[in-house]
């Protein structure tokens, strides 16, 4: 998947001499991501579903969960299913059948992570938080600077026919923003989906949890794509930055409590 950042330049005439001067280049997604990072950021308070259902909360004092330039950095990694070794992969890499990949995510603020994978049936399988017993310990809490791999002990095995694997990722500072998605994730499992994420060794398929395409579309509409800046960095610009990093940041001048990204992995 190729991303482009469009940058506009504004020429201003100086008051003295009338010579045109170039306006400094606006900060891009990467710059905003690091400028807004808070290393020691306590997780936002987790509010129970009871507060959503209308019961009286323990405290009526509102807690702000919004943050300036909330953002994610993601990296695709090619995983050796036998050894478990991983290497960076370009976001527009064309994968082959039999290869296995995972995604690494990092945030610039503490929050809650939601990751879903689209199945060939059109429904979405939740990866974080997971409904699978052997993945139930994978928490969806994320803190700044800590890289999270999804799946943690598994990988996505590319299968025929050729096509596109789609992941939907949400970073939320406000758990109630993702209430509907979380409730859908807890739905009972249905029949196994043919292209579900698989364990590299045993190849055990996981069940389709029944998150509908319409539910994800509503989430995408809720979080929106406005004011989202995307930037791919092929070569690291910092010591802790992996190659082929993609930054997805809310570039709005107003704080926000969530940011979302749709990631497509092509294979033949």
Protein backbone atom coordinates (compact mmCIF):
# COMPACT_ATOMS: atom_id res chain seq x y z
CA UNK A 1 0.00 0.00 0.00
CA UNK A 2 1.59 3.29 -1.08
CA UNK A 3 1.04 6.47 0.85
CA UNK A 4 1.76 10.02 -0.19
CA UNK A 5 1.94 13.20 1.79
CA UNK A 6 0.93 16.32 -0.07
CA UNK A 7 2.69 19.43 1.19
CA UNK A 8 1.63 22.91 0.15
CA UNK A 9 4.04 25.83 0.08
CA UNK A 10 2.89 29.40 0.62
CA UNK A 11 4.99 32.26 -0.71
CA UNK A 12 4.89 35.49 1.24
CA UNK A 13 6.33 38.84 0.24
CA UNK A 14 8.58 40.41 2.85
CA UNK A 15 7.51 43.78 4.15
CA UNK A 16 10.89 45.26 3.28
CA UNK A 17 12.21 44.73 -0.21
CA UNK A 18 9.22 42.73 -1.45
CA UNK A 19 11.31 39.58 -1.95
CA UNK A 20 9.29 36.33 -1.83
CA UNK A 21 10.18 34.03 1.04
CA UNK A 22 9.34 30.37 1.42
CA UNK A 23 7.13 29.48 4.38
CA UNK A 24 8.71 26.78 6.59
CA UNK A 25 7.47 23.34 5.61
CA UNK A 26 4.51 22.28 7.79
CA UNK A 27 5.14 19.49 10.25
CA UNK A 28 4.31 16.09 8.81
CA UNK A 29 2.94 12.98 10.44
CA UNK A 30 6.30 11.83 11.78
CA UNK A 31 7.16 15.21 13.29
CA UNK A 32 3.73 15.54 14.91
CA UNK A 33 3.95 11.98 16.25
CA UNK A 34 7.18 12.62 18.12
CA UNK A 35 6.33 16.16 19.18
CA UNK A 36 3.16 14.91 20.88
CA UNK A 37 4.74 11.83 22.49
CA UNK A 38 4.49 11.63 26.28
CA UNK A 39 6.88 8.95 27.49
CA UNK A 40 5.46 8.58 31.01
CA UNK A 41 1.79 8.67 30.16
CA UNK A 42 -0.52 6.85 32.59
CA UNK A 43 -3.27 4.85 30.87
CA UNK A 44 -6.60 6.68 30.69
CA UNK A 45 -9.15 5.47 33.25
CA UNK A 46 -11.09 2.43 32.05
CA UNK A 47 -14.80 3.09 32.43
CA UNK A 48 -17.13 0.19 32.91
CA UNK A 49 -19.95 -0.59 30.54
CA UNK A 50 -22.31 0.19 33.43
CA UNK A 51 -21.59 3.86 32.92
CA UNK A 52 -22.69 3.51 29.30
CA UNK A 53 -25.89 1.71 30.26
CA UNK A 54 -27.10 4.60 32.38
CA UNK A 55 -26.27 3.47 35.92
CA UNK A 56 -24.97 6.07 38.34
CA UNK A 57 -21.17 6.34 38.06
CA UNK A 58 -19.03 6.44 41.18
CA UNK A 59 -17.81 9.92 40.30
CA UNK A 60 -19.40 12.61 38.16
CA UNK A 61 -16.13 14.48 37.64
CA UNK A 62 -15.33 14.29 33.92
CA UNK A 63 -11.89 13.02 33.02
CA UNK A 64 -10.42 14.38 29.80
CA UNK A 65 -9.01 11.68 27.55
CA UNK A 66 -8.30 13.86 24.53
CA UNK A 67 -4.74 14.41 23.34
CA UNK A 68 -3.06 16.53 20.71
CA UNK A 69 -1.84 14.72 17.60
CA UNK A 70 -2.69 11.25 18.80
CA UNK A 71 -0.88 8.84 16.54
CA UNK A 72 0.25 5.34 15.65
CA UNK A 73 3.35 3.99 13.98
CA UNK A 74 3.05 0.62 12.30
CA UNK A 75 5.49 -1.75 10.63
CA UNK A 76 4.87 -4.93 8.68
CA UNK A 77 7.24 -7.77 9.52
CA UNK A 78 7.90 -10.99 7.61
CA UNK A 79 7.94 -13.89 10.08
CA UNK A 80 9.75 -17.20 9.66
CA UNK A 81 7.11 -19.66 10.86
CA UNK A 82 9.73 -22.25 11.86
CA UNK A 83 12.25 -20.12 13.76
CA UNK A 84 10.03 -17.19 14.71
CA UNK A 85 12.60 -14.72 13.39
CA UNK A 86 11.19 -11.56 11.87
CA UNK A 87 12.45 -8.93 9.46
CA UNK A 88 11.03 -5.61 8.36
CA UNK A 89 8.86 -5.57 5.25
CA UNK A 90 7.82 -2.64 3.10
CA UNK A 91 4.15 -1.68 3.52
CA UNK A 92 3.62 -2.15 -0.23
CA UNK A 93 5.48 -5.48 -0.39
CA UNK A 94 3.80 -8.16 -2.51
CA UNK A 95 3.61 -11.26 -0.33
CA UNK A 96 3.48 -14.83 -1.62
CA UNK A 97 1.32 -17.78 -0.60
CA UNK A 98 2.91 -19.62 2.33
CA UNK A 99 4.60 -16.53 3.78
CA UNK A 100 3.69 -15.34 7.25
CA UNK A 101 3.51 -11.76 8.46
CA UNK A 102 2.66 -9.77 11.55
CA UNK A 103 2.21 -6.10 12.32
CA UNK A 104 4.06 -4.09 14.96
CA UNK A 105 2.35 -1.06 16.48
CA UNK A 106 3.53 1.77 18.68
CA UNK A 107 1.64 4.81 19.98
CA UNK A 108 2.69 8.26 21.14
CA UNK A 109 0.17 8.27 24.01
CA UNK A 110 -1.30 5.64 26.32
CA UNK A 111 -4.60 4.17 25.24
CA UNK A 112 -6.49 1.09 24.18
CA UNK A 113 -5.77 -0.80 20.99
CA UNK A 114 -8.32 -2.57 18.80
CA UNK A 115 -7.23 -4.64 15.80
CA UNK A 116 -9.51 -6.56 13.44
CA UNK A 117 -8.76 -8.63 10.34
CA UNK A 118 -11.24 -8.87 7.49
CA UNK A 119 -12.20 -12.38 6.46
CA UNK A 120 -13.02 -13.60 2.95
CA UNK A 121 -16.64 -13.82 4.10
CA UNK A 122 -16.68 -10.04 4.57
CA UNK A 123 -16.92 -10.17 8.37
CA UNK A 124 -14.13 -9.07 10.71
CA UNK A 125 -12.20 -11.20 13.17
CA UNK A 126 -10.99 -9.46 16.35
CA UNK A 127 -7.29 -9.91 17.09
CA UNK A 128 -6.94 -7.40 19.95
CA UNK A 129 -8.66 -7.89 22.30
CA UNK A 130 -8.89 -11.53 21.25
CA UNK A 131 -11.73 -13.97 21.75
CA UNK A 132 -9.37 -16.95 21.47
CA UNK A 133 -8.42 -18.81 24.67
CA UNK A 134 -4.73 -19.05 23.73
CA UNK A 135 -4.57 -15.32 22.96
CA UNK A 136 -6.73 -14.05 25.83
CA UNK A 137 -3.71 -12.83 27.78
CA UNK A 138 -2.80 -10.33 25.06
CA UNK A 139 -3.90 -7.05 26.62
CA UNK A 140 -5.19 -4.23 24.47
CA UNK A 141 -3.65 -1.55 26.69
CA UNK A 142 -0.74 0.26 25.03
CA UNK A 143 1.77 2.75 26.41
CA UNK A 144 4.08 5.14 24.54
CA UNK A 145 7.33 3.77 23.20
CA UNK A 146 6.41 0.11 23.75
CA UNK A 147 6.18 -1.85 20.51
CA UNK A 148 3.29 -4.32 20.33
CA UNK A 149 3.23 -7.17 17.83
CA UNK A 150 -0.08 -8.47 16.53
CA UNK A 151 -0.53 -11.38 16.75
CA UNK A 152 1.95 -11.76 19.60
CA UNK A 153 2.70 -15.49 19.34
CA UNK A 154 1.11 -16.09 15.95
CA UNK A 155 1.35 -14.77 12.42
CA UNK A 156 -0.90 -14.31 9.41
CA UNK A 157 -0.24 -17.05 6.89
CA UNK A 158 -0.81 -15.94 3.32
CA UNK A 159 -3.12 -18.32 1.50
CA UNK A 160 -4.48 -18.60 -2.01
CA UNK A 161 -6.29 -17.18 -3.86
CA UNK A 162 -4.30 -13.98 -4.45
CA UNK A 163 -5.87 -10.84 -3.05
CA UNK A 164 -5.70 -8.31 -0.25
CA UNK A 165 -5.64 -8.86 3.51
CA UNK A 166 -7.21 -5.93 5.35
CA UNK A 167 -6.61 -4.90 8.95
CA UNK A 168 -8.51 -2.18 10.80
CA UNK A 169 -6.65 -0.60 13.72
CA UNK A 170 -8.06 1.79 16.31
CA UNK A 171 -6.15 3.60 19.05
CA UNK A 172 -8.59 5.07 21.56
CA UNK A 173 -8.00 7.17 24.64
CA UNK A 174 -11.65 6.74 25.56
CA UNK A 175 -12.80 3.13 25.96
CA UNK A 176 -16.44 4.12 25.46
CA UNK A 177 -15.63 5.30 21.95
CA UNK A 178 -15.09 1.64 21.08
CA UNK A 179 -17.99 0.26 23.11
CA UNK A 180 -19.93 -1.06 20.13
CA UNK A 181 -16.83 -2.65 18.62
CA UNK A 182 -15.89 -4.25 21.93
CA UNK A 183 -19.39 -5.64 22.39
CA UNK A 184 -19.24 -7.14 18.90
CA UNK A 185 -15.88 -8.69 19.72
CA UNK A 186 -17.41 -10.53 22.65
CA UNK A 187 -20.01 -12.17 20.38
CA UNK A 188 -19.90 -15.97 20.34
CA UNK A 189 -17.70 -17.50 17.66
CA UNK A 190 -19.22 -18.85 14.49
CA UNK A 191 -17.88 -21.37 12.00
CA UNK A 192 -14.16 -21.18 11.25
CA UNK A 193 -13.28 -18.77 8.47
CA UNK A 194 -11.11 -20.16 5.66
CA UNK A 195 -8.53 -17.34 5.72
CA UNK A 196 -8.43 -16.65 9.46
CA UNK A 197 -5.09 -15.85 11.17
CA UNK A 198 -3.18 -19.07 11.83
CA UNK A 199 -0.58 -20.33 14.24
CA UNK A 200 2.72 -20.80 12.40
CA UNK A 201 3.41 -24.28 13.77
CA UNK A 202 0.09 -26.07 14.19
CA UNK A 203 -1.85 -23.98 11.69
CA UNK A 204 -4.92 -23.89 13.92
CA UNK A 205 -7.64 -21.73 12.45
CA UNK A 206 -9.57 -19.35 14.66
CA UNK A 207 -13.29 -18.73 14.55
CA UNK A 208 -15.04 -15.81 12.95
CA UNK A 209 -16.43 -13.73 15.82
CA UNK A 210 -19.11 -12.15 13.67
CA UNK A 211 -18.06 -8.48 13.59
CA UNK A 212 -19.90 -7.22 10.55
CA UNK A 213 -18.52 -5.03 7.81
CA UNK A 214 -21.28 -2.53 8.62
CA UNK A 215 -20.11 -2.30 12.24
CA UNK A 216 -16.55 -1.51 11.15
CA UNK A 217 -17.86 0.96 8.57
CA UNK A 218 -19.72 2.77 11.35
CA UNK A 219 -16.55 2.85 13.43
CA UNK A 220 -14.62 4.22 10.47
CA UNK A 221 -17.27 6.89 9.99
CA UNK A 222 -17.27 7.69 13.72
CA UNK A 223 -13.51 8.15 13.91
CA UNK A 224 -13.40 9.66 10.43
CA UNK A 225 -10.52 10.18 8.05
CA UNK A 226 -10.40 13.97 8.28
CA UNK A 227 -7.23 15.59 9.58
CA UNK A 228 -5.35 12.28 9.35
CA UNK A 229 -1.76 12.62 8.16
CA UNK A 230 0.07 9.53 6.84
CA UNK A 231 3.80 9.31 6.20
CA UNK A 232 6.02 6.41 5.20
CA UNK A 233 9.68 6.49 6.23
CA UNK A 234 11.70 3.92 4.25
CA UNK A 235 15.01 4.52 6.05
CA UNK A 236 15.19 5.18 9.81
CA UNK A 237 15.68 8.81 10.81
CA UNK A 238 16.18 7.99 14.48
CA UNK A 239 17.97 5.34 16.54
CA UNK A 240 14.76 3.71 17.79
CA UNK A 241 12.90 3.91 14.49
CA UNK A 242 12.52 0.71 12.46
CA UNK A 243 12.86 0.84 8.67
CA UNK A 244 9.70 1.03 6.54
CA UNK A 245 7.73 2.78 9.29
CA UNK A 246 4.33 4.29 8.56
CA UNK A 247 2.99 7.08 10.78
CA UNK A 248 -0.75 7.73 11.10
CA UNK A 249 -1.45 10.87 13.14
CA UNK A 250 -4.40 13.14 13.82
CA UNK A 251 -3.03 16.42 12.46
CA UNK A 252 -5.94 18.56 13.67
CA UNK A 253 -5.22 21.60 15.82
CA UNK A 254 -7.84 20.28 18.24
CA UNK A 255 -7.26 17.39 20.68
CA UNK A 256 -8.84 14.03 19.86
CA UNK A 257 -9.48 10.81 21.75
CA UNK A 258 -8.95 8.36 18.91
CA UNK A 259 -7.23 7.64 15.62
CA UNK A 260 -7.87 4.83 13.14
CA UNK A 261 -6.05 3.28 10.20
CA UNK A 262 -6.91 0.69 7.58
CA UNK A 263 -3.92 -1.41 6.48
CA UNK A 264 -3.94 -3.47 3.29
CA UNK A 265 -1.49 -6.29 2.59
CA UNK A 266 -1.35 -7.48 -1.00
CA UNK A 267 -0.35 -11.01 -2.04
CA UNK A 268 -0.15 -13.11 -5.20
